[in-house]
Amino acid sequence: MNELKKHKAGVILNYLSIIFILVIFYLIKLLGINKINLLFEIIPIVVLIVTFKSAFLTTNFWKMTHTSSKNLDERELQVVYKATTFSYTIFTIACLIIIYTFNLIGLGSIDVVLAACLLYFAHTLPAAIIAFTHK
C-alpha cells in the first residue's frame, strides 16, 4: 500500500472512529443503558488519536492548513484555499443535516459530545480534503 493510500485510509478510519463514538454515546443515552458502558468509548477514542497522528500530523496536512498564509508558497496557498472553501460547504451541509435530523426525530438539543465531534470535524476537514486531493 503506497503512502497516499495509507493517508486516505487513516482519514477514513479517523472519521469512522468519530461515528463510533457518537453511536455508542447515543445508544447508551437513548436506550438507558448503564453509564459504565461509556467505557467502550475508549476504543474509538484511542483509534481517533492514533489515526489523527498518522493521517494528519505525519503528513503535514494539519500543519499546512493551520499555518499563517505568510509561510506558504503560492501553490500551497491555492491548495489550502480550495480545501478550506470546499470544507466549509461540506461542514455546513453536515451541520444542517444533523440539526434537522435531531429536530425531526426528536432527539432534542445537540449534546456536548456531538458539539465536540463537530468542532473536531471542522478543524480536520480541510486537511482531510487535501489528503484526498493531494497528488
C-alpha atoms as a PDB file:
ATOM      1  CA  MET A   1       0.000   0.000   0.000  1.00  0.00           C
ATOM      2  CA  ASN A   2       1.579   3.293  -1.019  1.00  0.00           C
ATOM      3  CA  GLU A   3       1.788   6.323   1.261  1.00  0.00           C
ATOM      4  CA  LEU A   4      -1.117   8.184  -0.316  1.00  0.00           C
ATOM      5  CA  LYS A   5      -3.481   5.245   0.180  1.00  0.00           C
ATOM      6  CA  LYS A   6      -2.309   4.934   3.796  1.00  0.00           C
ATOM      7  CA  HIS A   7      -3.134   8.580   4.429  1.00  0.00           C
ATOM      8  CA  LYS A   8      -6.580   8.220   2.860  1.00  0.00           C
ATOM      9  CA  ALA A   9      -7.256   5.074   4.896  1.00  0.00           C
ATOM     10  CA  GLY A  10      -6.120   6.905   8.032  1.00  0.00           C
ATOM     11  CA  VAL A  11      -8.534   9.763   7.357  1.00  0.00           C
ATOM     12  CA  ILE A  12     -11.414   7.352   6.739  1.00  0.00           C
ATOM     13  CA  LEU A  13     -10.626   5.380   9.893  1.00  0.00           C
ATOM     14  CA  ASN A  14     -10.317   8.641  11.827  1.00  0.00           C
ATOM     15  CA  TYR A  15     -13.783   9.786  10.799  1.00  0.00           C
ATOM     16  CA  LEU A  16     -15.253   6.320  11.350  1.00  0.00           C
ATOM     17  CA  SER A  17     -13.983   6.441  14.923  1.00  0.00           C
ATOM     18  CA  ILE A  18     -15.907   9.696  15.427  1.00  0.00           C
ATOM     19  CA  ILE A  19     -19.038   7.990  14.138  1.00  0.00           C
ATOM     20  CA  PHE A  20     -18.492   5.067  16.529  1.00  0.00           C
ATOM     21  CA  ILE A  21     -18.016   7.478  19.434  1.00  0.00           C
ATOM     22  CA  LEU A  22     -21.340   9.122  18.611  1.00  0.00           C
ATOM     23  CA  VAL A  23     -23.175   5.832  18.021  1.00  0.00           C
ATOM     24  CA  ILE A  24     -22.011   4.393  21.344  1.00  0.00           C
ATOM     25  CA  PHE A  25     -22.869   7.620  23.183  1.00  0.00           C
ATOM     26  CA  TYR A  26     -26.373   7.930  21.742  1.00  0.00           C
ATOM     27  CA  LEU A  27     -27.185   4.225  22.081  1.00  0.00           C
ATOM     28  CA  ILE A  28     -26.320   4.402  25.763  1.00  0.00           C
ATOM     29  CA  LYS A  29     -28.250   7.643  26.154  1.00  0.00           C
ATOM     30  CA  LEU A  30     -31.382   6.629  24.230  1.00  0.00           C
ATOM     31  CA  LEU A  31     -31.616   3.037  25.433  1.00  0.00           C
ATOM     32  CA  GLY A  32     -30.971   3.956  29.051  1.00  0.00           C
ATOM     33  CA  ILE A  33     -28.056   1.552  29.307  1.00  0.00           C
ATOM     34  CA  ASN A  34     -25.835   1.790  32.388  1.00  0.00           C
ATOM     35  CA  LYS A  35     -23.377   4.693  32.098  1.00  0.00           C
ATOM     36  CA  ILE A  36     -20.440   2.383  32.907  1.00  0.00           C
ATOM     37  CA  ASN A  37     -20.757   1.185  29.308  1.00  0.00           C
ATOM     38  CA  LEU A  38     -19.377   4.549  28.217  1.00  0.00           C
ATOM     39  CA  LEU A  39     -16.001   2.929  28.872  1.00  0.00           C
ATOM     40  CA  PHE A  40     -16.448   1.300  25.460  1.00  0.00           C
ATOM     41  CA  GLU A  41     -15.813   4.783  24.058  1.00  0.00           C
ATOM     42  CA  ILE A  42     -12.153   4.350  24.974  1.00  0.00           C
ATOM     43  CA  ILE A  43     -11.543   2.084  21.968  1.00  0.00           C
ATOM     44  CA  PRO A  44     -12.690   4.544  19.269  1.00  0.00           C
ATOM     45  CA  ILE A  45     -11.026   7.427  21.144  1.00  0.00           C
ATOM     46  CA  VAL A  46      -7.683   5.593  21.015  1.00  0.00           C
ATOM     47  CA  VAL A  47      -8.238   4.882  17.302  1.00  0.00           C
ATOM     48  CA  LEU A  48      -9.081   8.564  16.810  1.00  0.00           C
ATOM     49  CA  ILE A  49      -5.846   9.684  18.463  1.00  0.00           C
ATOM     50  CA  VAL A  50      -3.639   7.177  16.634  1.00  0.00           C
ATOM     51  CA  THR A  51      -5.172   7.857  13.227  1.00  0.00           C
ATOM     52  CA  PHE A  52      -5.043  11.622  13.803  1.00  0.00           C
ATOM     53  CA  LYS A  53      -1.308  11.324  14.289  1.00  0.00           C
ATOM     54  CA  SER A  54      -0.785   9.149  11.217  1.00  0.00           C
ATOM     55  CA  ALA A  55      -3.281  10.843   8.888  1.00  0.00           C
ATOM     56  CA  PHE A  56      -2.777  14.492   9.771  1.00  0.00           C
ATOM     57  CA  LEU A  57       0.387  15.140  11.761  1.00  0.00           C
ATOM     58  CA  THR A  58       2.953  12.955   9.995  1.00  0.00           C
ATOM     59  CA  THR A  59       1.745  14.129   6.582  1.00  0.00           C
ATOM     60  CA  ASN A  60       1.982  17.832   7.483  1.00  0.00           C
ATOM     61  CA  PHE A  61      -1.533  18.353   6.073  1.00  0.00           C
ATOM     62  CA  TRP A  62      -2.622  19.613   9.505  1.00  0.00           C
ATOM     63  CA  LYS A  63       0.334  21.994   9.677  1.00  0.00           C
ATOM     64  CA  MET A  64      -0.333  23.272   6.172  1.00  0.00           C
ATOM     65  CA  THR A  65      -3.952  24.167   6.959  1.00  0.00           C
ATOM     66  CA  HIS A  66      -3.130  25.726  10.328  1.00  0.00           C
ATOM     67  CA  THR A  67      -0.103  27.828   9.435  1.00  0.00           C
ATOM     68  CA  SER A  68      -0.018  31.506   8.560  1.00  0.00           C
ATOM     69  CA  SER A  69      -0.521  32.316   4.897  1.00  0.00           C
ATOM     70  CA  LYS A  70       2.757  34.255   5.038  1.00  0.00           C
ATOM     71  CA  ASN A  71       4.604  30.960   5.491  1.00  0.00           C
ATOM     72  CA  LEU A  72       3.045  29.240   2.457  1.00  0.00           C
ATOM     73  CA  ASP A  73       4.128  29.460  -1.160  1.00  0.00           C
ATOM     74  CA  GLU A  74       1.644  30.278  -3.927  1.00  0.00           C
ATOM     75  CA  ARG A  75       0.820  26.648  -4.741  1.00  0.00           C
ATOM     76  CA  GLU A  76       0.253  25.789  -1.068  1.00  0.00           C
ATOM     77  CA  LEU A  77      -1.974  28.852  -0.679  1.00  0.00           C
ATOM     78  CA  GLN A  78      -4.139  27.673  -3.564  1.00  0.00           C
ATOM     79  CA  VAL A  79      -4.358  24.137  -2.162  1.00  0.00           C
ATOM     80  CA  VAL A  80      -5.330  25.390   1.304  1.00  0.00           C
ATOM     81  CA  TYR A  81      -7.807  27.905  -0.125  1.00  0.00           C
ATOM     82  CA  LYS A  82      -9.590  25.273  -2.222  1.00  0.00           C
ATOM     83  CA  ALA A  83      -9.634  22.776   0.651  1.00  0.00           C
ATOM     84  CA  THR A  84     -10.944  25.344   3.121  1.00  0.00           C
ATOM     85  CA  THR A  85     -13.645  26.573   0.753  1.00  0.00           C
ATOM     86  CA  PHE A  86     -14.809  23.038  -0.006  1.00  0.00           C
ATOM     87  CA  SER A  87     -14.687  22.045   3.671  1.00  0.00           C
ATOM     88  CA  TYR A  88     -16.926  24.980   4.655  1.00  0.00           C
ATOM     89  CA  THR A  89     -19.513  23.740   2.179  1.00  0.00           C
ATOM     90  CA  ILE A  90     -19.330  20.154   3.425  1.00  0.00           C
ATOM     91  CA  PHE A  91     -19.403  21.232   7.063  1.00  0.00           C
ATOM     92  CA  THR A  92     -22.412  23.499   6.554  1.00  0.00           C
ATOM     93  CA  ILE A  93     -24.372  20.749   4.824  1.00  0.00           C
ATOM     94  CA  ALA A  94     -23.398  18.206   7.506  1.00  0.00           C
ATOM     95  CA  CYS A  95     -24.482  20.564  10.304  1.00  0.00           C
ATOM     96  CA  LEU A  96     -27.810  21.288   8.628  1.00  0.00           C
ATOM     97  CA  ILE A  97     -28.489  17.584   8.145  1.00  0.00           C
ATOM     98  CA  ILE A  98     -27.628  16.858  11.785  1.00  0.00           C
ATOM     99  CA  ILE A  99     -29.721  19.735  13.148  1.00  0.00           C
ATOM    100  CA  TYR A 100     -32.770  18.834  11.057  1.00  0.00           C
ATOM    101  CA  THR A 101     -32.395  15.131  11.832  1.00  0.00           C
ATOM    102  CA  PHE A 102     -32.236  15.827  15.556  1.00  0.00           C
ATOM    103  CA  ASN A 103     -35.292  18.038  15.250  1.00  0.00           C
ATOM    104  CA  LEU A 104     -37.340  15.600  13.145  1.00  0.00           C
ATOM    105  CA  ILE A 105     -36.500  12.530  15.225  1.00  0.00           C
ATOM    106  CA  GLY A 106     -37.000  14.424  18.458  1.00  0.00           C
ATOM    107  CA  LEU A 107     -33.575  13.855  19.958  1.00  0.00           C
ATOM    108  CA  GLY A 108     -33.631  17.314  21.486  1.00  0.00           C
ATOM    109  CA  SER A 109     -30.740  19.691  21.510  1.00  0.00           C
ATOM    110  CA  ILE A 110     -27.206  18.894  20.450  1.00  0.00           C
ATOM    111  CA  ASP A 111     -25.114  17.407  23.271  1.00  0.00           C
ATOM    112  CA  VAL A 112     -21.575  18.331  24.233  1.00  0.00           C
ATOM    113  CA  VAL A 113     -20.237  15.111  22.680  1.00  0.00           C
ATOM    114  CA  LEU A 114     -21.762  15.902  19.296  1.00  0.00           C
ATOM    115  CA  ALA A 115     -20.620  19.521  19.516  1.00  0.00           C
ATOM    116  CA  ALA A 116     -17.061  18.374  20.286  1.00  0.00           C
ATOM    117  CA  CYS A 117     -17.134  15.928  17.367  1.00  0.00           C
ATOM    118  CA  LEU A 118     -18.408  18.659  15.037  1.00  0.00           C
ATOM    119  CA  LEU A 119     -15.680  21.006  16.216  1.00  0.00           C
ATOM    120  CA  TYR A 120     -13.066  18.309  15.568  1.00  0.00           C
ATOM    121  CA  PHE A 121     -14.623  17.641  12.150  1.00  0.00           C
ATOM    122  CA  ALA A 122     -14.485  21.350  11.267  1.00  0.00           C
ATOM    123  CA  HIS A 123     -10.816  21.619  12.198  1.00  0.00           C
ATOM    124  CA  THR A 124      -9.662  18.469  10.419  1.00  0.00           C
ATOM    125  CA  LEU A 125     -11.813  18.623   7.291  1.00  0.00           C
ATOM    126  CA  PRO A 126      -9.533  20.937   5.261  1.00  0.00           C
ATOM    127  CA  ALA A 127      -6.569  18.634   5.932  1.00  0.00           C
ATOM    128  CA  ALA A 128      -8.702  15.601   5.045  1.00  0.00           C
ATOM    129  CA  ILE A 129      -9.683  17.187   1.749  1.00  0.00           C
ATOM    130  CA  ILE A 130      -6.028  17.854   0.981  1.00  0.00           C
ATOM    131  CA  ALA A 131      -5.252  14.213   1.807  1.00  0.00           C
ATOM    132  CA  PHE A 132      -7.803  13.081  -0.778  1.00  0.00           C
ATOM    133  CA  THR A 133      -6.944  15.610  -3.476  1.00  0.00           C
ATOM    134  CA  HIS A 134      -3.160  15.688  -2.987  1.00  0.00           C
ATOM    135  CA  LYS A 135      -1.173  14.254  -5.877  1.00  0.00           C
END
